[in-house]
Each structure stands twice: as C-alpha cells, then as structure tokens.
N, C-alpha and C. Protein backbone atom coordinates (compact mmCIF):
# COMPACT_ATOMS: atom_id res chain seq x y z
N MET A 1 93.47 23.12 70.68
CA MET A 1 92.51 23.40 70.23
C MET A 1 91.31 24.46 69.56
N MET A 2 90.96 24.55 68.33
CA MET A 2 90.41 26.08 67.79
C MET A 2 89.03 25.57 68.03
N THR A 3 88.20 26.81 68.30
CA THR A 3 86.69 26.41 68.30
C THR A 3 86.26 27.63 67.43
N PRO A 4 85.74 27.57 66.29
CA PRO A 4 84.89 27.82 65.26
C PRO A 4 84.13 29.38 65.77
N ARG A 5 84.32 30.26 65.64
CA ARG A 5 83.85 32.24 66.08
C ARG A 5 82.39 31.72 65.51
N LEU A 6 82.35 31.52 64.31
CA LEU A 6 81.04 32.25 63.12
C LEU A 6 80.86 31.07 62.07
N ASN A 7 79.76 31.42 61.42
CA ASN A 7 79.40 30.46 60.41
C ASN A 7 79.31 32.09 59.24
N PRO A 8 80.10 32.12 58.47
CA PRO A 8 79.71 33.31 57.61
C PRO A 8 78.91 32.55 56.50
N PHE A 9 78.50 31.31 56.35
CA PHE A 9 77.26 31.16 55.49
C PHE A 9 75.81 31.56 56.06
N ALA A 10 75.52 31.33 57.27
CA ALA A 10 75.02 31.73 57.59
C ALA A 10 74.72 32.82 58.36
N ALA A 11 75.48 33.71 58.83
CA ALA A 11 75.77 35.27 58.85
C ALA A 11 75.39 35.65 57.81
N ALA A 12 75.71 35.80 56.67
CA ALA A 12 75.39 36.88 55.24
C ALA A 12 75.51 35.95 54.34
N PRO A 13 74.33 35.31 54.07
CA PRO A 13 74.16 34.12 53.14
C PRO A 13 74.25 34.40 52.07
N GLN A 14 74.01 35.64 51.24
CA GLN A 14 73.81 36.28 49.84
C GLN A 14 74.99 36.81 49.65
N LEU A 15 75.97 37.17 50.70
CA LEU A 15 77.50 37.84 50.38
C LEU A 15 78.00 36.36 50.03
N MET A 16 77.65 35.53 50.94
CA MET A 16 78.56 34.21 51.03
C MET A 16 78.56 33.02 49.31
N GLN A 17 77.25 33.65 49.24
CA GLN A 17 76.66 32.94 47.74
C GLN A 17 77.54 33.34 46.70
N ALA A 18 77.82 34.67 47.14
CA ALA A 18 78.66 35.25 45.51
C ALA A 18 79.63 35.23 45.69
N VAL A 19 80.66 34.97 46.84
CA VAL A 19 82.08 34.17 46.93
C VAL A 19 82.17 33.09 46.12
N LEU A 20 80.77 32.10 46.88
CA LEU A 20 80.56 30.99 46.15
C LEU A 20 80.75 30.76 44.45
N ASP A 21 80.01 31.56 43.83
CA ASP A 21 79.67 32.10 42.24
C ASP A 21 80.86 32.35 41.63
N LEU A 22 81.59 33.00 42.31
CA LEU A 22 82.93 33.76 41.95
C LEU A 22 83.84 32.37 41.83
N GLU A 23 84.16 31.96 42.73
CA GLU A 23 84.49 30.57 42.78
C GLU A 23 84.67 29.35 41.90
N ALA A 24 83.15 29.09 41.47
CA ALA A 24 82.41 28.42 40.70
C ALA A 24 83.20 29.08 39.09
N GLN A 25 82.90 30.27 39.19
CA GLN A 25 83.69 30.80 37.75
C GLN A 25 85.21 30.45 38.02
N VAL A 26 85.96 30.92 38.71
CA VAL A 26 87.27 30.30 38.65
C VAL A 26 87.84 29.12 38.38
N LYS A 27 87.19 28.03 39.13
CA LYS A 27 87.51 26.40 39.25
C LYS A 27 87.23 26.42 37.58
N GLN A 28 86.16 26.69 36.63
CA GLN A 28 85.93 26.72 35.22
C GLN A 28 86.64 27.62 34.55
N CYS A 29 87.87 28.42 34.88
CA CYS A 29 88.24 29.63 33.51
C CYS A 29 89.12 28.74 32.69
N GLY A 30 89.11 27.79 32.89
CA GLY A 30 90.51 27.07 31.91
C GLY A 30 91.95 26.97 32.06
N LEU A 31 92.29 27.13 33.48
CA LEU A 31 93.37 27.03 34.22
C LEU A 31 93.33 25.40 34.52
N GLU A 32 95.05 24.75 34.53
CA GLU A 32 94.79 23.54 34.78
C GLU A 32 94.58 23.05 36.20
N HIS A 33 93.44 22.25 36.53
CA HIS A 33 93.04 21.82 37.35
C HIS A 33 94.53 21.85 39.04
N SER A 34 95.21 20.83 38.69
CA SER A 34 96.40 20.83 39.00
C SER A 34 97.18 21.97 39.80
N LEU A 35 96.81 22.69 38.27
CA LEU A 35 98.22 24.34 38.63
C LEU A 35 96.94 24.82 39.77
N ILE A 36 95.64 24.84 39.73
CA ILE A 36 94.37 25.29 40.88
C ILE A 36 95.15 25.01 41.82
N GLU A 37 95.53 23.61 42.26
CA GLU A 37 95.14 23.40 43.28
C GLU A 37 96.47 23.73 44.14
N LEU A 38 97.90 23.72 43.36
CA LEU A 38 98.96 23.95 43.82
C LEU A 38 98.98 25.36 44.02
N VAL A 39 98.35 26.07 43.66
CA VAL A 39 98.20 27.78 43.86
C VAL A 39 97.73 27.98 45.13
N LYS A 40 96.36 27.48 45.17
CA LYS A 40 95.57 27.12 46.38
C LYS A 40 96.29 27.16 47.58
N VAL A 41 97.19 25.60 47.88
CA VAL A 41 97.71 25.13 48.87
C VAL A 41 98.97 26.34 49.26
N ARG A 42 99.73 26.80 47.83
CA ARG A 42 100.68 27.39 48.42
C ARG A 42 100.23 28.51 49.14
N ALA A 43 99.30 29.33 48.70
CA ALA A 43 99.02 30.35 49.26
C ALA A 43 98.17 30.09 50.71
N SER A 44 97.70 29.42 50.67
CA SER A 44 96.68 28.63 52.26
C SER A 44 98.51 28.38 52.90
N GLN A 45 99.80 28.19 52.45
CA GLN A 45 100.69 27.70 53.70
C GLN A 45 101.23 28.90 53.71
N LEU A 46 101.40 29.80 52.60
CA LEU A 46 101.94 31.05 53.15
C LEU A 46 101.16 31.99 54.18
N ASN A 47 99.69 31.59 54.08
CA ASN A 47 98.86 32.69 55.10
C ASN A 47 98.65 31.77 56.65
N GLY A 48 99.06 30.55 56.54
CA GLY A 48 98.95 29.70 57.63
C GLY A 48 97.57 29.05 58.08
N CYS A 49 96.68 28.76 56.81
CA CYS A 49 95.35 28.60 56.66
C CYS A 49 95.16 26.91 56.76
N ALA A 50 95.14 26.38 57.93
CA ALA A 50 95.28 24.88 58.03
C ALA A 50 93.73 24.65 57.45
N TYR A 51 92.64 24.90 57.65
CA TYR A 51 91.15 24.43 57.05
C TYR A 51 91.69 24.64 55.43
N CYS A 52 92.03 25.30 54.91
CA CYS A 52 92.23 25.16 53.38
C CYS A 52 93.72 24.19 52.83
N ILE A 53 94.76 24.72 53.83
CA ILE A 53 95.53 23.69 53.32
C ILE A 53 95.15 22.09 53.29
N HIS A 54 94.28 21.67 54.25
CA HIS A 54 93.89 20.63 54.57
C HIS A 54 93.10 20.09 53.09
N MET A 55 91.71 21.36 52.95
CA MET A 55 90.97 21.02 51.64
C MET A 55 91.37 20.85 50.66
N HIS A 56 92.46 21.88 50.26
CA HIS A 56 93.37 21.64 48.69
C HIS A 56 94.44 20.27 49.08
N THR A 57 95.18 20.46 49.72
CA THR A 57 95.75 18.83 49.26
C THR A 57 95.01 17.51 49.27
N THR A 58 93.90 17.67 50.02
CA THR A 58 93.04 16.36 49.84
C THR A 58 92.17 16.42 48.49
N ASP A 59 91.83 17.96 47.94
CA ASP A 59 91.31 17.65 46.56
C ASP A 59 92.52 17.60 45.46
N ALA A 60 93.60 17.99 46.02
CA ALA A 60 95.00 17.34 44.67
C ALA A 60 94.99 16.14 44.76
N ARG A 61 95.28 15.80 46.10
CA ARG A 61 95.44 14.30 45.92
C ARG A 61 94.40 13.21 45.45
N ALA A 62 93.12 13.61 45.54
CA ALA A 62 91.55 13.24 45.07
C ALA A 62 92.01 13.32 43.04
N ALA A 63 92.73 13.88 42.63
CA ALA A 63 92.63 14.44 41.22
C ALA A 63 94.13 14.01 40.98
N GLY A 64 94.53 13.37 41.61
CA GLY A 64 96.05 12.40 41.01
C GLY A 64 97.01 13.15 41.47
N GLU A 65 97.41 14.24 42.20
CA GLU A 65 98.29 14.96 42.22
C GLU A 65 98.94 13.97 42.91
N ARG A 66 100.46 13.85 43.14
CA ARG A 66 101.47 13.45 43.36
C ARG A 66 102.28 13.59 45.19
N GLU A 67 101.94 12.89 46.13
CA GLU A 67 102.72 13.06 47.51
C GLU A 67 103.72 14.47 47.57
N GLU A 68 104.68 13.73 46.52
CA GLU A 68 106.19 14.09 46.99
C GLU A 68 106.16 15.84 46.28
N ARG A 69 104.79 16.02 45.29
CA ARG A 69 105.11 17.34 45.30
C ARG A 69 104.27 18.32 45.84
N LEU A 70 103.12 17.60 47.06
CA LEU A 70 102.21 18.49 48.04
C LEU A 70 103.88 18.49 49.04
N TYR A 71 104.21 17.51 49.49
CA TYR A 71 105.36 17.48 50.23
C TYR A 71 106.44 18.56 50.20
N LEU A 72 106.92 18.44 49.13
CA LEU A 72 107.78 20.18 48.61
C LEU A 72 107.40 21.04 48.37
N LEU A 73 106.01 21.42 48.11
CA LEU A 73 105.32 22.73 47.53
C LEU A 73 106.16 23.99 48.48
N ASP A 74 106.53 23.46 49.48
CA ASP A 74 106.88 24.77 50.07
C ASP A 74 108.21 25.18 50.30
N ALA A 75 108.89 23.93 49.47
CA ALA A 75 110.48 24.46 49.19
C ALA A 75 110.43 24.18 47.52
N TRP A 76 109.45 24.88 46.48
CA TRP A 76 109.42 24.73 45.20
C TRP A 76 110.83 25.41 44.72
N ARG A 77 111.05 25.95 44.80
CA ARG A 77 112.11 26.72 44.38
C ARG A 77 113.10 25.98 44.16
N GLU A 78 113.44 24.89 45.47
CA GLU A 78 114.60 24.01 45.17
C GLU A 78 114.40 22.58 44.87
N ALA A 79 113.24 21.91 44.42
CA ALA A 79 112.62 20.92 44.15
C ALA A 79 112.45 20.98 42.63
N PRO A 80 113.09 19.78 41.33
CA PRO A 80 112.84 19.87 40.44
C PRO A 80 111.60 19.06 39.81
N LEU A 81 110.57 19.35 40.90
CA LEU A 81 109.20 18.22 40.14
C LEU A 81 108.26 19.35 39.45
N TYR A 82 108.69 20.97 39.74
CA TYR A 82 107.31 21.44 38.96
C TYR A 82 107.62 22.12 37.66
N THR A 83 107.17 22.28 36.97
CA THR A 83 107.10 22.80 35.39
C THR A 83 107.25 24.50 35.68
N GLY A 84 107.72 25.19 34.18
CA GLY A 84 108.33 26.36 34.00
C GLY A 84 106.84 27.15 34.23
N ARG A 85 105.67 26.49 34.02
CA ARG A 85 104.21 27.14 34.03
C ARG A 85 103.99 27.41 35.40
N GLU A 86 104.31 26.26 36.05
CA GLU A 86 103.74 25.72 37.63
C GLU A 86 104.69 26.89 38.42
N ARG A 87 106.43 26.60 38.03
CA ARG A 87 106.81 27.93 38.98
C ARG A 87 106.70 29.11 38.80
N ALA A 88 106.18 29.55 37.45
CA ALA A 88 105.76 30.88 37.29
C ALA A 88 104.53 31.47 38.17
N ALA A 89 103.64 30.43 38.27
CA ALA A 89 102.54 30.50 38.89
C ALA A 89 102.56 30.29 40.64
N LEU A 90 103.28 29.61 40.82
CA LEU A 90 104.02 30.00 42.20
C LEU A 90 104.52 30.79 42.66
N GLY A 91 105.64 31.68 42.11
CA GLY A 91 106.17 32.69 42.30
C GLY A 91 105.30 34.04 41.99
N TRP A 92 104.21 34.02 41.11
CA TRP A 92 103.27 34.97 41.18
C TRP A 92 102.36 34.87 42.57
N THR A 93 101.97 33.61 42.63
CA THR A 93 100.86 33.21 43.91
C THR A 93 102.04 34.02 45.45
N GLU A 94 102.91 33.79 45.59
CA GLU A 94 104.03 34.26 46.37
C GLU A 94 103.93 35.54 46.48
N ALA A 95 104.17 36.55 45.34
CA ALA A 95 104.30 37.88 45.24
C ALA A 95 103.00 38.46 45.80
N LEU A 96 101.74 38.24 45.14
CA LEU A 96 100.61 38.54 45.54
C LEU A 96 100.03 38.30 47.02
N THR A 97 100.22 37.11 47.23
CA THR A 97 100.23 36.82 48.59
C THR A 97 101.03 37.37 49.69
N ARG A 98 102.23 37.28 49.61
CA ARG A 98 102.87 38.50 50.33
C ARG A 98 102.68 39.60 50.53
N GLY A 99 102.52 40.44 48.91
CA GLY A 99 101.58 41.72 49.21
C GLY A 99 103.40 42.52 49.07
N ALA A 100 103.09 43.50 50.44
CA ALA A 100 103.58 44.71 50.79
C ALA A 100 104.93 44.40 50.86
N PRO A 101 105.39 43.36 51.95
CA PRO A 101 107.03 42.89 52.19
C PRO A 101 107.87 42.68 50.52
N ILE A 102 107.21 42.42 49.46
CA ILE A 102 107.71 42.24 48.12
C ILE A 102 107.43 42.67 47.42
N HIS A 103 106.26 42.60 47.61
CA HIS A 103 105.37 43.22 46.11
C HIS A 103 105.58 42.49 44.49
N ALA A 104 104.80 42.73 43.65
CA ALA A 104 105.04 42.18 42.30
C ALA A 104 106.08 42.28 41.79
N ARG A 105 107.30 41.94 42.06
CA ARG A 105 108.25 42.29 41.57
C ARG A 105 108.49 41.99 39.80
N ASP A 106 109.17 42.73 38.84
CA ASP A 106 109.51 42.76 37.72
C ASP A 106 109.70 41.40 37.33
N ALA A 107 110.52 40.64 38.17
CA ALA A 107 111.11 39.65 37.71
C ALA A 107 110.17 38.37 37.56
N ASP A 108 109.12 38.40 38.59
CA ASP A 108 108.10 37.79 39.02
C ASP A 108 107.15 37.88 37.63
N TYR A 109 106.64 38.95 37.44
CA TYR A 109 105.74 39.19 36.12
C TYR A 109 106.58 38.88 35.07
N ALA A 110 107.68 38.88 34.97
CA ALA A 110 108.15 38.79 33.50
C ALA A 110 108.00 36.92 33.18
N ALA A 111 108.32 36.30 34.42
CA ALA A 111 108.13 34.72 34.17
C ALA A 111 106.91 34.20 34.02
N LEU A 112 105.85 35.11 34.40
CA LEU A 112 104.29 34.84 34.16
C LEU A 112 103.90 35.33 32.86
N GLN A 113 104.74 36.34 32.25
CA GLN A 113 104.40 36.50 30.86
C GLN A 113 105.02 35.72 29.95
N ALA A 114 105.89 34.95 30.60
CA ALA A 114 106.82 33.63 29.83
C ALA A 114 105.71 32.17 29.19
N GLU A 115 104.84 32.36 30.57
CA GLU A 115 104.22 30.89 30.54
C GLU A 115 102.67 31.29 30.66
N PHE A 116 102.01 32.51 30.35
CA PHE A 116 100.69 32.56 30.51
C PHE A 116 100.47 33.62 29.49
N SER A 117 99.21 33.30 28.76
CA SER A 117 98.84 34.49 27.89
C SER A 117 98.44 35.89 29.19
N ALA A 118 97.54 36.81 28.20
CA ALA A 118 97.79 38.09 29.45
C ALA A 118 95.76 37.62 29.70
N GLU A 119 95.37 36.80 29.00
CA GLU A 119 93.56 36.33 29.52
C GLU A 119 94.01 35.15 30.86
N GLU A 120 95.48 34.59 30.82
CA GLU A 120 95.51 33.51 31.87
C GLU A 120 95.84 34.45 32.99
N GLN A 121 96.53 35.33 32.79
CA GLN A 121 97.71 36.07 33.71
C GLN A 121 96.32 36.72 34.23
N VAL A 122 95.47 37.33 34.09
CA VAL A 122 93.99 37.58 34.80
C VAL A 122 93.66 36.57 35.44
N LYS A 123 93.51 35.17 34.95
CA LYS A 123 92.60 34.32 35.66
C LYS A 123 93.36 33.84 36.68
N LEU A 124 94.41 33.60 36.34
CA LEU A 124 95.48 33.60 37.56
C LEU A 124 95.71 34.39 38.54
N THR A 125 95.55 35.46 38.53
CA THR A 125 95.46 36.94 39.34
C THR A 125 94.55 36.38 40.38
N VAL A 126 93.12 36.53 39.74
CA VAL A 126 91.70 36.43 40.24
C VAL A 126 91.45 35.01 41.09
N LEU A 127 92.11 33.88 40.49
CA LEU A 127 92.41 32.82 41.41
C LEU A 127 93.24 33.14 42.85
N ILE A 128 94.27 33.69 42.68
CA ILE A 128 95.06 34.06 43.72
C ILE A 128 94.30 34.96 44.84
N GLY A 129 93.60 36.06 44.35
CA GLY A 129 92.84 36.46 44.79
C GLY A 129 91.61 36.13 45.69
N MET A 130 91.18 35.22 45.04
CA MET A 130 90.02 34.18 45.78
C MET A 130 91.02 33.55 46.88
N ILE A 131 91.61 32.37 46.66
CA ILE A 131 92.02 31.97 47.77
C ILE A 131 92.71 32.77 49.03
N ASN A 132 93.38 33.64 48.82
CA ASN A 132 93.70 34.66 49.69
C ASN A 132 92.56 35.24 50.74
N LEU A 133 91.39 35.51 49.87
CA LEU A 133 89.87 35.73 50.47
C LEU A 133 89.26 34.37 51.53
N TRP A 134 89.52 33.33 50.87
CA TRP A 134 88.76 32.36 51.36
C TRP A 134 89.47 31.88 52.48
N ASN A 135 91.17 32.15 52.53
CA ASN A 135 92.17 31.92 53.51
C ASN A 135 91.75 33.20 54.47
N ARG A 136 91.69 34.25 54.75
CA ARG A 136 91.20 35.06 55.11
C ARG A 136 89.73 35.14 56.12
N ILE A 137 88.78 34.42 55.37
CA ILE A 137 87.26 34.09 55.77
C ILE A 137 87.71 32.59 56.99
N ALA A 138 88.14 32.05 56.56
CA ALA A 138 88.52 30.61 57.10
C ALA A 138 89.40 30.94 58.76
N ILE A 139 90.08 31.79 58.50
CA ILE A 139 91.62 32.43 59.27
C ILE A 139 90.61 32.94 60.49
N GLY A 140 89.84 34.27 60.09
CA GLY A 140 89.05 34.99 60.70
C GLY A 140 87.98 34.12 61.77
N PHE A 141 87.10 33.20 61.14
CA PHE A 141 86.02 33.14 61.51
C PHE A 141 86.73 30.97 62.15
N ALA A 142 88.01 31.45 62.39
CA ALA A 142 88.49 30.06 63.00
C ALA A 142 88.03 28.90 62.50
N SER A 143 87.50 28.57 61.20
CA SER A 143 87.25 27.31 60.69
C SER A 143 88.34 25.96 60.85
N VAL A 144 87.44 25.26 61.41
CA VAL A 144 88.53 23.92 62.01
C VAL A 144 88.72 22.95 61.09
N PRO A 145 89.67 22.19 60.21
CA PRO A 145 89.73 21.24 59.30
C PRO A 145 88.83 20.08 59.92
N ASP A 146 88.41 19.17 59.19
CA ASP A 146 87.75 18.17 59.80
C ASP A 146 88.85 17.20 59.64
N VAL A 147 90.04 16.78 60.32
CA VAL A 147 90.66 15.59 60.55
C VAL A 147 90.60 15.33 61.90
N GLY A 148 90.50 13.79 62.11
CA GLY A 148 90.84 13.46 62.93
C GLY A 148 90.00 13.77 64.29
N ARG A 149 89.01 13.98 63.84
CA ARG A 149 87.48 14.33 64.98
C ARG A 149 86.71 12.84 65.02
C-alpha cells in the first residue's frame, strides 16, 4: 500500500494555485469534454498514474462516457469505438507522453493536422502537457486514489 509522501498544495500553495489556474483554462479551452477525459486517461495509463486514472475514468463516466470505450482505451488502435478526431488526439497523446523513444513522428502530426485546427493543436498539446505534469506530481508524491478505503 502506498503512503502519500507530501501534500504539494500545502508545501507550495502559490505554485500549485498557478497549476490549478492553467488547468481551469485548459478545461474551458473549447475542446470536447469527452476528448479531454480520454486524453487524460490515456496519458495517465501510459505513465502508470493510478491516482489520475481513477480520477479521470470517474470524471468521464460522470460525463456519460461509455464503459466499453474506457475499457478499450489501452487498445484504441484496434478498437472501432473512437472517431478519427479522437484517434488523432490519442496518437498525439502517446507521441508526446512517451517522448524520447518515439518522438512526435510526422505521421502523428499529419493525423493531428487532418482533425484539428492550428489553435486546437496548441490547446491539445497544452492539455497533454498538463496531464503529464499532474501525473508526475501524483506519482512523485505518491498520491493515493480514494478507492475501497
């Protein structure tokens, strides 16, 4: 069982408030709520962040996301449940989250360009950066999901 190491909100409240403020802007940036949650779940899966996986699957379900789409998210390339736009976003999420081993390939970017305007590309990229930041905060300080306690 993990034991939380540190409460970052207590340790550095001003900096964490700035992170929360940027998160609030990302949530209201105009990207579809369902897309935002799929991206957050997928990045969190890749990073192995139990806290964020739990939070964002819960949020996605509350917003009406179908269980089967959450169950198959880890295998989205083989599952016919995702739109072209979602596939482009998930591919970009994987490219940016995995980083160095695969980089952001031209094919990933071409798929992104086909589905997202230039402004949306920036919004999606900031969203991916934000969830990766949250994952690192949660993993680094051993945040424990509130399940079964």
